[in-house]
Amino acid sequence: MNWIEDNWVLEFQSGIPAYKQIIHHIQAAVAAGRLTEGDQLPTIRALHKKLKVNPNTVARAYRELEHLGIISAEQGSGCFVAPQAFAPPATLSAKSKQAALKELCLRFAAEARSQGISFPELVRHLNP
């Protein structure tokens, strides 16, 4: 659970629900290679205690991650990073791309804010 202890901060004032922030953290850990295929995620109980959120919040995040194909839940064994999490993404429709882009921007801005990075600094680095 070191990857959680070192990097996770939930922004309760960001306007992004806690379960979505959990999803984003796990997606980012998979994308960055901190979580790889077959890695076991913390139990719902362990994660809710660490993040100080309701266990139902963690359970909802895990359900959504399973629905997205990022993790697989094995009854009695726990949740693991799914092999299909590393498959190339499917082609999105224009409407889906727009929604994904909006969600990504909100996540990115919230993460920057949590690191003390101002919006003008962020824009400067995005437009070299």
N, C-alpha and C. Protein backbone atom coordinates (compact mmCIF):
# COMPACT_ATOMS: atom_id res chain seq x y z
N MET A 1 0.82 -1.19 0.00
CA MET A 1 0.00 0.00 0.00
C MET A 1 0.87 1.26 0.00
N ASN A 2 2.17 1.13 -0.28
CA ASN A 2 3.05 2.30 -0.29
C ASN A 2 2.66 3.32 -1.34
N TRP A 3 2.19 2.87 -2.48
CA TRP A 3 1.82 3.83 -3.53
C TRP A 3 0.67 4.71 -3.09
N ILE A 4 -0.13 4.24 -2.16
CA ILE A 4 -1.22 5.06 -1.63
C ILE A 4 -0.66 6.00 -0.56
N GLU A 5 0.10 5.46 0.33
CA GLU A 5 0.62 6.24 1.44
C GLU A 5 1.46 7.42 0.96
N ASP A 6 2.20 7.23 -0.12
CA ASP A 6 3.09 8.27 -0.60
C ASP A 6 2.39 9.35 -1.40
N ASN A 7 1.36 8.99 -2.14
CA ASN A 7 0.86 9.92 -3.15
C ASN A 7 -0.58 10.38 -3.00
N TRP A 8 -1.37 9.78 -2.20
CA TRP A 8 -2.80 10.05 -2.23
C TRP A 8 -3.23 11.16 -1.31
N VAL A 9 -3.93 12.11 -1.90
CA VAL A 9 -4.59 13.17 -1.15
C VAL A 9 -5.95 13.37 -1.78
N LEU A 10 -6.99 13.27 -1.00
CA LEU A 10 -8.32 13.55 -1.52
C LEU A 10 -8.65 15.00 -1.23
N GLU A 11 -9.12 15.68 -2.24
CA GLU A 11 -9.50 17.09 -2.14
C GLU A 11 -11.01 17.16 -1.91
N PHE A 12 -11.43 17.28 -0.68
CA PHE A 12 -12.86 17.28 -0.38
C PHE A 12 -13.55 18.58 -0.79
N GLN A 13 -12.80 19.65 -1.01
CA GLN A 13 -13.38 20.92 -1.43
C GLN A 13 -13.28 21.13 -2.94
N SER A 14 -12.77 20.16 -3.68
CA SER A 14 -12.53 20.34 -5.12
C SER A 14 -13.79 20.28 -5.96
N GLY A 15 -14.87 19.74 -5.42
CA GLY A 15 -16.09 19.58 -6.21
C GLY A 15 -16.12 18.24 -6.93
N ILE A 16 -15.03 17.51 -6.91
CA ILE A 16 -14.98 16.17 -7.51
C ILE A 16 -15.27 15.17 -6.41
N PRO A 17 -16.30 14.31 -6.61
CA PRO A 17 -16.65 13.34 -5.57
C PRO A 17 -15.45 12.46 -5.18
N ALA A 18 -15.41 12.08 -3.92
CA ALA A 18 -14.30 11.28 -3.42
C ALA A 18 -14.14 9.97 -4.19
N TYR A 19 -15.25 9.32 -4.55
CA TYR A 19 -15.12 8.04 -5.27
C TYR A 19 -14.46 8.25 -6.63
N LYS A 20 -14.74 9.40 -7.29
CA LYS A 20 -14.10 9.68 -8.58
C LYS A 20 -12.62 9.97 -8.39
N GLN A 21 -12.27 10.63 -7.30
CA GLN A 21 -10.86 10.89 -7.03
C GLN A 21 -10.10 9.58 -6.80
N ILE A 22 -10.75 8.63 -6.12
CA ILE A 22 -10.13 7.32 -5.92
C ILE A 22 -9.91 6.64 -7.28
N ILE A 23 -10.93 6.69 -8.12
CA ILE A 23 -10.82 6.12 -9.47
C ILE A 23 -9.65 6.77 -10.21
N HIS A 24 -9.56 8.09 -10.16
CA HIS A 24 -8.49 8.80 -10.86
C HIS A 24 -7.11 8.42 -10.34
N HIS A 25 -6.98 8.29 -9.03
CA HIS A 25 -5.69 7.90 -8.46
C HIS A 25 -5.28 6.51 -8.94
N ILE A 26 -6.22 5.58 -8.97
CA ILE A 26 -5.89 4.22 -9.41
C ILE A 26 -5.58 4.21 -10.90
N GLN A 27 -6.36 4.92 -11.70
CA GLN A 27 -6.07 5.02 -13.13
C GLN A 27 -4.69 5.62 -13.36
N ALA A 28 -4.35 6.65 -12.63
CA ALA A 28 -3.04 7.28 -12.78
C ALA A 28 -1.92 6.34 -12.37
N ALA A 29 -2.14 5.57 -11.29
CA ALA A 29 -1.12 4.62 -10.85
C ALA A 29 -0.90 3.53 -11.89
N VAL A 30 -1.97 3.09 -12.54
CA VAL A 30 -1.85 2.09 -13.60
C VAL A 30 -1.11 2.69 -14.79
N ALA A 31 -1.51 3.90 -15.19
CA ALA A 31 -0.90 4.56 -16.35
C ALA A 31 0.59 4.83 -16.12
N ALA A 32 0.96 5.16 -14.88
CA ALA A 32 2.36 5.47 -14.56
C ALA A 32 3.19 4.22 -14.30
N GLY A 33 2.55 3.06 -14.23
CA GLY A 33 3.28 1.83 -13.98
C GLY A 33 3.52 1.53 -12.52
N ARG A 34 2.94 2.33 -11.62
CA ARG A 34 3.08 2.04 -10.19
C ARG A 34 2.22 0.83 -9.80
N LEU A 35 1.17 0.61 -10.58
CA LEU A 35 0.35 -0.60 -10.44
C LEU A 35 0.43 -1.34 -11.76
N THR A 36 0.70 -2.62 -11.70
CA THR A 36 0.81 -3.42 -12.92
C THR A 36 -0.17 -4.58 -12.87
N GLU A 37 -0.32 -5.22 -14.00
CA GLU A 37 -1.25 -6.34 -14.12
C GLU A 37 -1.06 -7.35 -12.99
N GLY A 38 -2.17 -7.67 -12.33
CA GLY A 38 -2.14 -8.66 -11.26
C GLY A 38 -1.87 -8.09 -9.88
N ASP A 39 -1.47 -6.82 -9.79
CA ASP A 39 -1.24 -6.23 -8.46
C ASP A 39 -2.55 -6.17 -7.69
N GLN A 40 -2.47 -6.49 -6.41
CA GLN A 40 -3.66 -6.46 -5.58
C GLN A 40 -3.86 -5.07 -5.00
N LEU A 41 -5.11 -4.62 -5.05
CA LEU A 41 -5.47 -3.34 -4.46
C LEU A 41 -5.74 -3.54 -2.97
N PRO A 42 -5.66 -2.47 -2.20
CA PRO A 42 -6.00 -2.59 -0.78
C PRO A 42 -7.46 -3.00 -0.62
N THR A 43 -7.77 -3.63 0.49
CA THR A 43 -9.16 -3.98 0.76
C THR A 43 -9.96 -2.69 0.94
N ILE A 44 -11.27 -2.82 0.79
CA ILE A 44 -12.15 -1.66 0.99
C ILE A 44 -11.94 -1.10 2.38
N ARG A 45 -11.87 -1.98 3.36
CA ARG A 45 -11.69 -1.54 4.75
C ARG A 45 -10.38 -0.78 4.94
N ALA A 46 -9.29 -1.31 4.40
CA ALA A 46 -7.98 -0.66 4.56
C ALA A 46 -7.96 0.70 3.88
N LEU A 47 -8.53 0.78 2.68
CA LEU A 47 -8.50 2.03 1.94
C LEU A 47 -9.41 3.09 2.58
N HIS A 48 -10.56 2.67 3.06
CA HIS A 48 -11.45 3.66 3.69
C HIS A 48 -10.83 4.22 4.97
N LYS A 49 -10.11 3.38 5.70
CA LYS A 49 -9.44 3.87 6.91
C LYS A 49 -8.30 4.82 6.56
N LYS A 50 -7.52 4.47 5.53
CA LYS A 50 -6.39 5.30 5.13
C LYS A 50 -6.85 6.66 4.61
N LEU A 51 -7.91 6.66 3.78
CA LEU A 51 -8.36 7.90 3.16
C LEU A 51 -9.41 8.65 3.99
N LYS A 52 -9.86 8.01 5.07
CA LYS A 52 -10.87 8.61 5.96
C LYS A 52 -12.15 8.96 5.21
N VAL A 53 -12.65 7.96 4.46
CA VAL A 53 -13.92 8.10 3.76
C VAL A 53 -14.81 6.92 4.14
N ASN A 54 -16.07 7.01 3.79
CA ASN A 54 -17.02 5.95 4.04
C ASN A 54 -16.63 4.71 3.22
N PRO A 55 -16.74 3.51 3.78
CA PRO A 55 -16.41 2.30 3.02
C PRO A 55 -17.24 2.17 1.74
N ASN A 56 -18.48 2.69 1.75
CA ASN A 56 -19.30 2.63 0.54
C ASN A 56 -18.70 3.46 -0.59
N THR A 57 -17.97 4.50 -0.24
CA THR A 57 -17.30 5.34 -1.24
C THR A 57 -16.24 4.52 -1.97
N VAL A 58 -15.45 3.78 -1.20
CA VAL A 58 -14.40 2.94 -1.79
C VAL A 58 -15.04 1.82 -2.61
N ALA A 59 -16.09 1.22 -2.08
CA ALA A 59 -16.78 0.13 -2.79
C ALA A 59 -17.32 0.64 -4.13
N ARG A 60 -17.87 1.84 -4.15
CA ARG A 60 -18.40 2.41 -5.39
C ARG A 60 -17.27 2.63 -6.40
N ALA A 61 -16.14 3.15 -5.94
CA ALA A 61 -15.00 3.36 -6.83
C ALA A 61 -14.52 2.03 -7.41
N TYR A 62 -14.42 1.01 -6.57
CA TYR A 62 -13.98 -0.29 -7.05
C TYR A 62 -14.98 -0.88 -8.06
N ARG A 63 -16.29 -0.71 -7.81
CA ARG A 63 -17.30 -1.20 -8.77
C ARG A 63 -17.14 -0.52 -10.12
N GLU A 64 -16.94 0.79 -10.09
CA GLU A 64 -16.78 1.53 -11.35
C GLU A 64 -15.49 1.13 -12.06
N LEU A 65 -14.43 0.94 -11.31
CA LEU A 65 -13.17 0.50 -11.91
C LEU A 65 -13.31 -0.87 -12.54
N GLU A 66 -14.09 -1.73 -11.89
CA GLU A 66 -14.33 -3.06 -12.45
C GLU A 66 -15.17 -2.94 -13.73
N HIS A 67 -16.16 -2.08 -13.71
CA HIS A 67 -16.99 -1.85 -14.88
C HIS A 67 -16.16 -1.30 -16.05
N LEU A 68 -15.16 -0.48 -15.75
CA LEU A 68 -14.28 0.08 -16.77
C LEU A 68 -13.23 -0.91 -17.26
N GLY A 69 -13.13 -2.06 -16.57
CA GLY A 69 -12.16 -3.08 -16.97
C GLY A 69 -10.76 -2.83 -16.46
N ILE A 70 -10.63 -1.94 -15.49
CA ILE A 70 -9.31 -1.62 -14.95
C ILE A 70 -8.91 -2.59 -13.85
N ILE A 71 -9.90 -3.04 -13.09
CA ILE A 71 -9.62 -4.03 -12.05
C ILE A 71 -10.59 -5.20 -12.21
N SER A 72 -10.24 -6.29 -11.58
CA SER A 72 -11.15 -7.44 -11.51
C SER A 72 -11.27 -7.84 -10.05
N ALA A 73 -12.50 -8.11 -9.65
CA ALA A 73 -12.77 -8.52 -8.27
C ALA A 73 -12.91 -10.03 -8.24
N GLU A 74 -12.21 -10.65 -7.33
CA GLU A 74 -12.29 -12.10 -7.17
C GLU A 74 -12.86 -12.37 -5.79
N GLN A 75 -14.03 -13.01 -5.77
CA GLN A 75 -14.73 -13.28 -4.52
C GLN A 75 -13.81 -13.95 -3.51
N GLY A 76 -13.66 -13.34 -2.35
CA GLY A 76 -12.86 -13.90 -1.27
C GLY A 76 -11.38 -13.63 -1.38
N SER A 77 -10.92 -13.13 -2.54
CA SER A 77 -9.49 -12.88 -2.73
C SER A 77 -9.13 -11.41 -2.80
N GLY A 78 -10.06 -10.58 -3.24
CA GLY A 78 -9.79 -9.15 -3.34
C GLY A 78 -9.89 -8.63 -4.75
N CYS A 79 -9.38 -7.43 -4.94
CA CYS A 79 -9.40 -6.77 -6.25
C CYS A 79 -7.98 -6.67 -6.79
N PHE A 80 -7.86 -6.91 -8.09
CA PHE A 80 -6.56 -6.93 -8.75
C PHE A 80 -6.61 -6.10 -10.02
N VAL A 81 -5.45 -5.56 -10.42
CA VAL A 81 -5.38 -4.84 -11.69
C VAL A 81 -5.58 -5.86 -12.80
N ALA A 82 -6.54 -5.55 -13.67
CA ALA A 82 -6.92 -6.47 -14.74
C ALA A 82 -5.94 -6.39 -15.91
N PRO A 83 -5.74 -7.51 -16.61
CA PRO A 83 -4.87 -7.50 -17.79
C PRO A 83 -5.38 -6.55 -18.87
N GLN A 84 -6.70 -6.47 -19.04
CA GLN A 84 -7.25 -5.61 -20.08
C GLN A 84 -7.06 -4.13 -19.78
N ALA A 85 -6.60 -3.79 -18.58
CA ALA A 85 -6.33 -2.39 -18.25
C ALA A 85 -5.20 -1.85 -19.13
N PHE A 86 -4.43 -2.75 -19.72
CA PHE A 86 -3.29 -2.34 -20.53
C PHE A 86 -3.57 -2.44 -22.02
N ALA A 87 -4.81 -2.77 -22.38
CA ALA A 87 -5.19 -2.84 -23.80
C ALA A 87 -5.33 -1.43 -24.34
N PRO A 88 -5.12 -1.24 -25.66
CA PRO A 88 -5.29 0.10 -26.21
C PRO A 88 -6.74 0.56 -26.07
N PRO A 89 -6.96 1.84 -25.81
CA PRO A 89 -8.32 2.32 -25.62
C PRO A 89 -9.14 2.24 -26.90
N ALA A 90 -10.43 2.05 -26.73
CA ALA A 90 -11.33 2.00 -27.87
C ALA A 90 -11.50 3.42 -28.42
N THR A 91 -11.83 3.51 -29.69
CA THR A 91 -12.06 4.81 -30.31
C THR A 91 -13.36 5.40 -29.75
N LEU A 92 -13.28 6.66 -29.34
CA LEU A 92 -14.43 7.33 -28.74
C LEU A 92 -15.15 8.19 -29.76
N SER A 93 -16.44 8.35 -29.55
CA SER A 93 -17.21 9.28 -30.38
C SER A 93 -16.80 10.70 -30.00
N ALA A 94 -17.16 11.68 -30.84
CA ALA A 94 -16.82 13.07 -30.57
C ALA A 94 -17.41 13.53 -29.24
N LYS A 95 -18.65 13.13 -28.97
CA LYS A 95 -19.31 13.52 -27.71
C LYS A 95 -18.60 12.89 -26.51
N SER A 96 -18.21 11.63 -26.63
CA SER A 96 -17.51 10.94 -25.55
C SER A 96 -16.13 11.56 -25.33
N LYS A 97 -15.45 11.92 -26.43
CA LYS A 97 -14.14 12.56 -26.30
C LYS A 97 -14.26 13.88 -25.56
N GLN A 98 -15.30 14.65 -25.89
CA GLN A 98 -15.51 15.95 -25.25
C GLN A 98 -15.75 15.76 -23.76
N ALA A 99 -16.56 14.78 -23.39
CA ALA A 99 -16.84 14.51 -21.98
C ALA A 99 -15.57 14.04 -21.27
N ALA A 100 -14.80 13.17 -21.93
CA ALA A 100 -13.56 12.67 -21.34
C ALA A 100 -12.55 13.81 -21.16
N LEU A 101 -12.47 14.70 -22.14
CA LEU A 101 -11.56 15.83 -22.06
C LEU A 101 -11.93 16.75 -20.90
N LYS A 102 -13.22 17.00 -20.74
CA LYS A 102 -13.68 17.86 -19.64
C LYS A 102 -13.32 17.23 -18.29
N GLU A 103 -13.59 15.94 -18.16
CA GLU A 103 -13.28 15.22 -16.92
C GLU A 103 -11.78 15.24 -16.65
N LEU A 104 -10.98 15.03 -17.67
CA LEU A 104 -9.52 15.02 -17.54
C LEU A 104 -9.02 16.39 -17.09
N CYS A 105 -9.56 17.45 -17.68
CA CYS A 105 -9.16 18.81 -17.31
C CYS A 105 -9.51 19.12 -15.86
N LEU A 106 -10.70 18.72 -15.42
CA LEU A 106 -11.09 18.94 -14.03
C LEU A 106 -10.16 18.20 -13.08
N ARG A 107 -9.84 16.96 -13.43
CA ARG A 107 -8.94 16.15 -12.61
C ARG A 107 -7.56 16.78 -12.55
N PHE A 108 -7.07 17.20 -13.72
CA PHE A 108 -5.74 17.79 -13.81
C PHE A 108 -5.65 19.07 -12.99
N ALA A 109 -6.66 19.91 -13.10
CA ALA A 109 -6.68 21.16 -12.36
C ALA A 109 -6.75 20.90 -10.85
N ALA A 110 -7.57 19.93 -10.44
CA ALA A 110 -7.68 19.59 -9.01
C ALA A 110 -6.36 19.05 -8.48
N GLU A 111 -5.70 18.22 -9.26
CA GLU A 111 -4.41 17.66 -8.84
C GLU A 111 -3.36 18.77 -8.72
N ALA A 112 -3.35 19.67 -9.70
CA ALA A 112 -2.40 20.78 -9.65
C ALA A 112 -2.66 21.64 -8.42
N ARG A 113 -3.93 21.93 -8.16
CA ARG A 113 -4.30 22.74 -7.00
C ARG A 113 -3.84 22.07 -5.70
N SER A 114 -3.98 20.75 -5.63
CA SER A 114 -3.57 20.04 -4.42
C SER A 114 -2.06 20.06 -4.23
N GLN A 115 -1.31 20.29 -5.31
CA GLN A 115 0.14 20.38 -5.24
C GLN A 115 0.63 21.82 -5.07
N GLY A 116 -0.33 22.76 -4.97
CA GLY A 116 0.03 24.17 -4.79
C GLY A 116 0.42 24.87 -6.08
N ILE A 117 0.00 24.31 -7.21
CA ILE A 117 0.32 24.91 -8.52
C ILE A 117 -0.86 25.77 -8.94
N SER A 118 -0.58 27.03 -9.25
CA SER A 118 -1.65 27.94 -9.65
C SER A 118 -2.06 27.67 -11.09
N PHE A 119 -3.26 28.13 -11.44
CA PHE A 119 -3.77 27.94 -12.81
C PHE A 119 -2.87 28.63 -13.84
N PRO A 120 -2.43 29.89 -13.61
CA PRO A 120 -1.52 30.51 -14.58
C PRO A 120 -0.22 29.73 -14.79
N GLU A 121 0.34 29.17 -13.70
CA GLU A 121 1.55 28.35 -13.83
C GLU A 121 1.27 27.13 -14.69
N LEU A 122 0.13 26.50 -14.46
CA LEU A 122 -0.27 25.32 -15.20
C LEU A 122 -0.39 25.64 -16.68
N VAL A 123 -1.06 26.74 -17.01
CA VAL A 123 -1.25 27.13 -18.41
C VAL A 123 0.11 27.44 -19.05
N ARG A 124 1.00 28.12 -18.33
CA ARG A 124 2.34 28.41 -18.87
C ARG A 124 3.07 27.15 -19.30
N HIS A 125 2.96 26.10 -18.50
CA HIS A 125 3.66 24.85 -18.81
C HIS A 125 2.97 24.05 -19.91
N LEU A 126 1.68 24.26 -20.07
CA LEU A 126 0.96 23.56 -21.14
C LEU A 126 1.19 24.23 -22.49
N ASN A 127 1.45 25.54 -22.50
CA ASN A 127 1.71 26.30 -23.72
C ASN A 127 3.15 26.78 -23.75
N PRO A 128 4.09 25.91 -24.08
CA PRO A 128 5.50 26.34 -24.06
C PRO A 128 5.82 27.34 -25.16
